Each structure stands twice: as C-alpha cells, then as structure tokens.
Amino acid sequence: MQKPEYHILICNSFRLNGQPQGVCNKKEAASLLQYLENEIVDRGLDVMISSTGCLKLCEQGPVMVIYPAGWWYGQVTEEKIDEILDALEEATAIEEFLLC
C-alpha cells in the first residue's frame, strides 16, 4: 500500500466498547465522514480518512485533524470541510479554523 499524501482523522467519540458517544458523535460527526469521503473522491485528493475515539477537545467538537501537517480544526461542519479541502488542494491551512 502506498502512503497517502494526507491522513484525516474525524473524532467520533468512540469508547473502548466501540460505541460512538460523546460530543462529536452527538454533533453528527458520523455524517461528516461520509460527506468528507464524497468530497475527497470528487476532488481526486490522495487522502485517507479515519474515525477516531475521543480526541479530548469535546468543547470544540466535531474535531478534525490533518496529518502529516498537524492541522487541528474544531466545530467542523460541511461548509468548513469545503473550505478546508479547498485550502488542502493548495497545501495550506485555514488559519481562522485552526485550534492549535
């Protein structure tokens, strides 16, 4: 398997038993995964997506992280995803959306 250019993590607040719970899940993080996947395919981006357990930034949920850049985004919505992917195509971040 060839390493993708980017790896995007979306917090879905999975717990040890595998059940999605928590803030990110309650804010529809699961539906963001499908939206993100569709956008990545449509744009032809070289990106892997993973759903994660809690990333410990619940007050900022849903949280999305892009590696290897290390960009952490909070309160992610479909509209923000569009802007973030626009910037990602240019290998840049959306500074005002970054958490750290």
N, C-alpha and C. Protein backbone atom coordinates (compact mmCIF):
# COMPACT_ATOMS: atom_id res chain seq x y z
N MET A 1 0.84 -1.18 0.00
CA MET A 1 0.00 0.00 0.00
C MET A 1 0.88 1.24 0.00
N GLN A 2 0.58 2.15 -0.89
CA GLN A 2 1.30 3.41 -0.94
C GLN A 2 0.74 4.37 0.10
N LYS A 3 1.62 5.06 0.79
CA LYS A 3 1.23 6.02 1.82
C LYS A 3 0.50 7.19 1.16
N PRO A 4 -0.69 7.58 1.67
CA PRO A 4 -1.41 8.73 1.10
C PRO A 4 -0.71 10.03 1.44
N GLU A 5 -1.01 11.05 0.67
CA GLU A 5 -0.42 12.37 0.91
C GLU A 5 -0.89 12.95 2.25
N TYR A 6 -2.17 12.72 2.57
CA TYR A 6 -2.73 13.21 3.84
C TYR A 6 -3.54 12.11 4.50
N HIS A 7 -3.63 12.20 5.83
CA HIS A 7 -4.49 11.33 6.63
C HIS A 7 -5.36 12.24 7.47
N ILE A 8 -6.67 12.16 7.28
CA ILE A 8 -7.61 12.99 8.03
C ILE A 8 -8.31 12.13 9.07
N LEU A 9 -8.28 12.61 10.30
CA LEU A 9 -8.95 11.95 11.42
C LEU A 9 -10.17 12.79 11.80
N ILE A 10 -11.30 12.11 11.98
CA ILE A 10 -12.51 12.78 12.47
C ILE A 10 -12.88 12.12 13.80
N CYS A 11 -12.95 12.93 14.85
CA CYS A 11 -13.36 12.41 16.15
C CYS A 11 -14.83 12.01 16.07
N ASN A 12 -15.09 10.77 16.45
CA ASN A 12 -16.47 10.29 16.54
C ASN A 12 -16.76 9.79 17.95
N SER A 13 -15.85 10.10 18.87
CA SER A 13 -16.03 9.83 20.30
C SER A 13 -16.26 8.36 20.61
N PHE A 14 -15.61 7.45 19.86
CA PHE A 14 -15.76 6.03 20.16
C PHE A 14 -15.21 5.73 21.53
N ARG A 15 -15.87 4.84 22.25
CA ARG A 15 -15.42 4.40 23.56
C ARG A 15 -14.77 3.02 23.42
N LEU A 16 -14.19 2.52 24.49
CA LEU A 16 -13.49 1.24 24.46
C LEU A 16 -14.35 0.09 23.95
N ASN A 17 -15.65 0.13 24.22
CA ASN A 17 -16.52 -0.94 23.76
C ASN A 17 -16.94 -0.75 22.30
N GLY A 18 -16.44 0.30 21.65
CA GLY A 18 -16.73 0.54 20.25
C GLY A 18 -17.97 1.37 19.98
N GLN A 19 -18.69 1.75 21.02
CA GLN A 19 -19.90 2.54 20.84
C GLN A 19 -19.57 4.03 20.67
N PRO A 20 -20.11 4.65 19.61
CA PRO A 20 -19.91 6.10 19.46
C PRO A 20 -20.76 6.84 20.47
N GLN A 21 -20.16 7.76 21.18
CA GLN A 21 -20.86 8.56 22.17
C GLN A 21 -20.23 9.94 22.18
N GLY A 22 -20.56 10.74 23.16
CA GLY A 22 -19.87 11.99 23.36
C GLY A 22 -20.29 13.12 22.43
N VAL A 23 -19.64 14.24 22.60
CA VAL A 23 -20.00 15.49 21.93
C VAL A 23 -19.88 15.38 20.41
N CYS A 24 -18.75 14.93 19.91
CA CYS A 24 -18.56 14.88 18.45
C CYS A 24 -19.61 14.00 17.79
N ASN A 25 -19.89 12.86 18.39
CA ASN A 25 -20.91 11.97 17.83
C ASN A 25 -22.28 12.62 17.86
N LYS A 26 -22.59 13.28 18.96
CA LYS A 26 -23.90 13.95 19.08
C LYS A 26 -24.04 15.13 18.12
N LYS A 27 -22.91 15.66 17.66
CA LYS A 27 -22.93 16.76 16.69
C LYS A 27 -22.77 16.24 15.26
N GLU A 28 -23.17 14.99 15.04
CA GLU A 28 -23.24 14.39 13.70
C GLU A 28 -21.89 14.17 13.03
N ALA A 29 -20.86 13.83 13.81
CA ALA A 29 -19.55 13.56 13.23
C ALA A 29 -19.60 12.39 12.24
N ALA A 30 -20.45 11.41 12.51
CA ALA A 30 -20.54 10.26 11.60
C ALA A 30 -20.99 10.68 10.21
N SER A 31 -21.92 11.59 10.10
CA SER A 31 -22.37 12.03 8.78
C SER A 31 -21.29 12.86 8.08
N LEU A 32 -20.43 13.52 8.86
CA LEU A 32 -19.32 14.27 8.27
C LEU A 32 -18.32 13.34 7.58
N LEU A 33 -18.18 12.13 8.11
CA LEU A 33 -17.28 11.16 7.50
C LEU A 33 -17.69 10.86 6.06
N GLN A 34 -18.97 10.61 5.85
CA GLN A 34 -19.46 10.31 4.50
C GLN A 34 -19.34 11.52 3.59
N TYR A 35 -19.66 12.68 4.11
CA TYR A 35 -19.55 13.90 3.32
C TYR A 35 -18.08 14.12 2.91
N LEU A 36 -17.17 13.96 3.86
CA LEU A 36 -15.76 14.14 3.59
C LEU A 36 -15.27 13.14 2.55
N GLU A 37 -15.67 11.89 2.68
CA GLU A 37 -15.29 10.86 1.71
C GLU A 37 -15.76 11.23 0.30
N ASN A 38 -16.99 11.65 0.18
CA ASN A 38 -17.53 12.04 -1.13
C ASN A 38 -16.75 13.21 -1.73
N GLU A 39 -16.44 14.20 -0.91
CA GLU A 39 -15.70 15.37 -1.39
C GLU A 39 -14.29 15.00 -1.83
N ILE A 40 -13.65 14.12 -1.08
CA ILE A 40 -12.28 13.70 -1.42
C ILE A 40 -12.28 12.96 -2.75
N VAL A 41 -13.23 12.08 -2.95
CA VAL A 41 -13.34 11.34 -4.21
C VAL A 41 -13.62 12.30 -5.35
N ASP A 42 -14.59 13.20 -5.16
CA ASP A 42 -14.94 14.16 -6.21
C ASP A 42 -13.76 15.04 -6.62
N ARG A 43 -12.91 15.37 -5.66
CA ARG A 43 -11.78 16.26 -5.92
C ARG A 43 -10.53 15.50 -6.37
N GLY A 44 -10.56 14.17 -6.24
CA GLY A 44 -9.41 13.37 -6.63
C GLY A 44 -8.21 13.54 -5.72
N LEU A 45 -8.47 13.81 -4.44
CA LEU A 45 -7.38 14.01 -3.48
C LEU A 45 -6.82 12.68 -3.00
N ASP A 46 -5.54 12.66 -2.68
CA ASP A 46 -4.85 11.48 -2.16
C ASP A 46 -4.90 11.54 -0.62
N VAL A 47 -6.04 11.14 -0.08
CA VAL A 47 -6.31 11.28 1.36
C VAL A 47 -6.94 10.01 1.91
N MET A 48 -6.47 9.58 3.07
CA MET A 48 -7.10 8.50 3.83
C MET A 48 -7.89 9.14 4.96
N ILE A 49 -9.06 8.59 5.27
CA ILE A 49 -9.90 9.11 6.34
C ILE A 49 -10.06 8.04 7.41
N SER A 50 -10.00 8.45 8.67
CA SER A 50 -10.24 7.54 9.79
C SER A 50 -11.14 8.21 10.81
N SER A 51 -12.02 7.43 11.39
CA SER A 51 -12.83 7.87 12.51
C SER A 51 -12.09 7.46 13.78
N THR A 52 -12.12 8.32 14.78
CA THR A 52 -11.33 8.05 15.98
C THR A 52 -12.18 8.01 17.25
N GLY A 53 -11.53 7.59 18.30
CA GLY A 53 -12.08 7.76 19.63
C GLY A 53 -11.95 9.23 20.02
N CYS A 54 -12.28 9.52 21.24
CA CYS A 54 -12.27 10.90 21.72
C CYS A 54 -10.89 11.53 21.61
N LEU A 55 -10.83 12.72 21.04
CA LEU A 55 -9.58 13.48 20.92
C LEU A 55 -9.41 14.50 22.05
N LYS A 56 -10.31 14.46 23.02
CA LYS A 56 -10.20 15.26 24.25
C LYS A 56 -10.35 16.77 24.04
N LEU A 57 -11.06 17.16 22.98
CA LEU A 57 -11.37 18.57 22.75
C LEU A 57 -12.87 18.71 22.56
N CYS A 58 -13.62 18.11 23.47
CA CYS A 58 -15.08 18.00 23.34
C CYS A 58 -15.77 19.34 23.11
N GLU A 59 -15.31 20.38 23.79
CA GLU A 59 -15.96 21.68 23.64
C GLU A 59 -15.77 22.26 22.24
N GLN A 60 -14.85 21.70 21.47
CA GLN A 60 -14.58 22.18 20.11
C GLN A 60 -15.14 21.23 19.03
N GLY A 61 -15.87 20.20 19.46
CA GLY A 61 -16.33 19.17 18.53
C GLY A 61 -17.36 19.62 17.53
N PRO A 62 -17.46 18.90 16.44
CA PRO A 62 -16.59 17.83 15.99
C PRO A 62 -15.19 18.34 15.62
N VAL A 63 -14.20 17.50 15.91
CA VAL A 63 -12.80 17.83 15.68
C VAL A 63 -12.28 17.02 14.50
N MET A 64 -11.48 17.68 13.66
CA MET A 64 -10.85 17.03 12.51
C MET A 64 -9.37 17.37 12.53
N VAL A 65 -8.52 16.36 12.31
CA VAL A 65 -7.07 16.54 12.31
C VAL A 65 -6.52 16.09 10.97
N ILE A 66 -5.61 16.86 10.41
CA ILE A 66 -4.99 16.51 9.13
C ILE A 66 -3.49 16.30 9.35
N TYR A 67 -3.04 15.08 9.05
CA TYR A 67 -1.62 14.73 9.11
C TYR A 67 -1.10 14.47 7.72
N PRO A 68 0.16 14.70 7.43
CA PRO A 68 1.23 14.98 8.37
C PRO A 68 1.37 16.45 8.78
N ALA A 69 0.51 17.32 8.25
CA ALA A 69 0.63 18.75 8.55
C ALA A 69 0.40 19.07 10.02
N GLY A 70 -0.42 18.26 10.71
CA GLY A 70 -0.70 18.52 12.12
C GLY A 70 -1.71 19.63 12.34
N TRP A 71 -2.62 19.83 11.38
CA TRP A 71 -3.64 20.86 11.50
C TRP A 71 -4.85 20.31 12.23
N TRP A 72 -5.24 20.94 13.33
CA TRP A 72 -6.39 20.56 14.13
C TRP A 72 -7.50 21.59 13.92
N TYR A 73 -8.65 21.12 13.47
CA TYR A 73 -9.80 22.01 13.23
C TYR A 73 -10.93 21.65 14.18
N GLY A 74 -11.65 22.67 14.66
CA GLY A 74 -12.77 22.44 15.56
C GLY A 74 -14.08 22.93 15.00
N GLN A 75 -15.15 22.43 15.62
CA GLN A 75 -16.52 22.79 15.25
C GLN A 75 -16.71 22.65 13.74
N VAL A 76 -16.27 21.50 13.23
CA VAL A 76 -16.29 21.22 11.80
C VAL A 76 -17.72 21.00 11.32
N THR A 77 -18.04 21.60 10.19
CA THR A 77 -19.32 21.44 9.51
C THR A 77 -19.03 21.10 8.05
N GLU A 78 -20.06 20.77 7.30
CA GLU A 78 -19.87 20.51 5.87
C GLU A 78 -19.32 21.75 5.17
N GLU A 79 -19.78 22.92 5.55
CA GLU A 79 -19.30 24.15 4.94
C GLU A 79 -17.81 24.37 5.23
N LYS A 80 -17.41 24.10 6.47
CA LYS A 80 -15.99 24.23 6.82
C LYS A 80 -15.16 23.20 6.08
N ILE A 81 -15.68 21.99 5.95
CA ILE A 81 -14.96 20.96 5.21
C ILE A 81 -14.67 21.42 3.79
N ASP A 82 -15.65 22.03 3.14
CA ASP A 82 -15.44 22.54 1.78
C ASP A 82 -14.27 23.52 1.74
N GLU A 83 -14.24 24.45 2.68
CA GLU A 83 -13.18 25.45 2.72
C GLU A 83 -11.83 24.82 3.06
N ILE A 84 -11.84 23.88 4.01
CA ILE A 84 -10.61 23.20 4.41
C ILE A 84 -10.04 22.41 3.24
N LEU A 85 -10.88 21.71 2.50
CA LEU A 85 -10.40 20.95 1.34
C LEU A 85 -9.93 21.86 0.22
N ASP A 86 -10.58 23.00 0.05
CA ASP A 86 -10.11 23.98 -0.94
C ASP A 86 -8.67 24.37 -0.60
N ALA A 87 -8.42 24.66 0.67
CA ALA A 87 -7.08 25.05 1.12
C ALA A 87 -6.11 23.87 1.01
N LEU A 88 -6.57 22.68 1.34
CA LEU A 88 -5.72 21.49 1.28
C LEU A 88 -5.22 21.24 -0.14
N GLU A 89 -6.05 21.55 -1.12
CA GLU A 89 -5.63 21.40 -2.52
C GLU A 89 -4.45 22.32 -2.84
N GLU A 90 -4.30 23.38 -2.07
CA GLU A 90 -3.18 24.32 -2.22
C GLU A 90 -2.10 24.08 -1.16
N ALA A 91 -2.26 23.00 -0.38
CA ALA A 91 -1.32 22.63 0.70
C ALA A 91 -1.21 23.72 1.76
N THR A 92 -2.34 24.38 2.05
CA THR A 92 -2.36 25.40 3.09
C THR A 92 -3.48 25.10 4.09
N ALA A 93 -3.42 25.78 5.22
CA ALA A 93 -4.44 25.65 6.26
C ALA A 93 -5.36 26.87 6.24
N ILE A 94 -6.53 26.72 6.83
CA ILE A 94 -7.43 27.85 7.07
C ILE A 94 -7.14 28.30 8.50
N GLU A 95 -6.33 29.32 8.63
CA GLU A 95 -5.84 29.76 9.94
C GLU A 95 -6.94 30.03 10.95
N GLU A 96 -8.03 30.67 10.53
CA GLU A 96 -9.08 31.02 11.50
C GLU A 96 -9.85 29.83 12.02
N PHE A 97 -9.74 28.67 11.36
CA PHE A 97 -10.42 27.46 11.83
C PHE A 97 -9.53 26.60 12.73
N LEU A 98 -8.22 26.86 12.74
CA LEU A 98 -7.27 26.02 13.48
C LEU A 98 -7.46 26.15 14.99
N LEU A 99 -7.32 25.03 15.68
CA LEU A 99 -7.40 25.02 17.14
C LEU A 99 -6.05 25.27 17.76
N CYS A 100 -5.00 24.76 17.19
CA CYS A 100 -3.66 24.93 17.78
C CYS A 100 -2.62 24.91 16.70
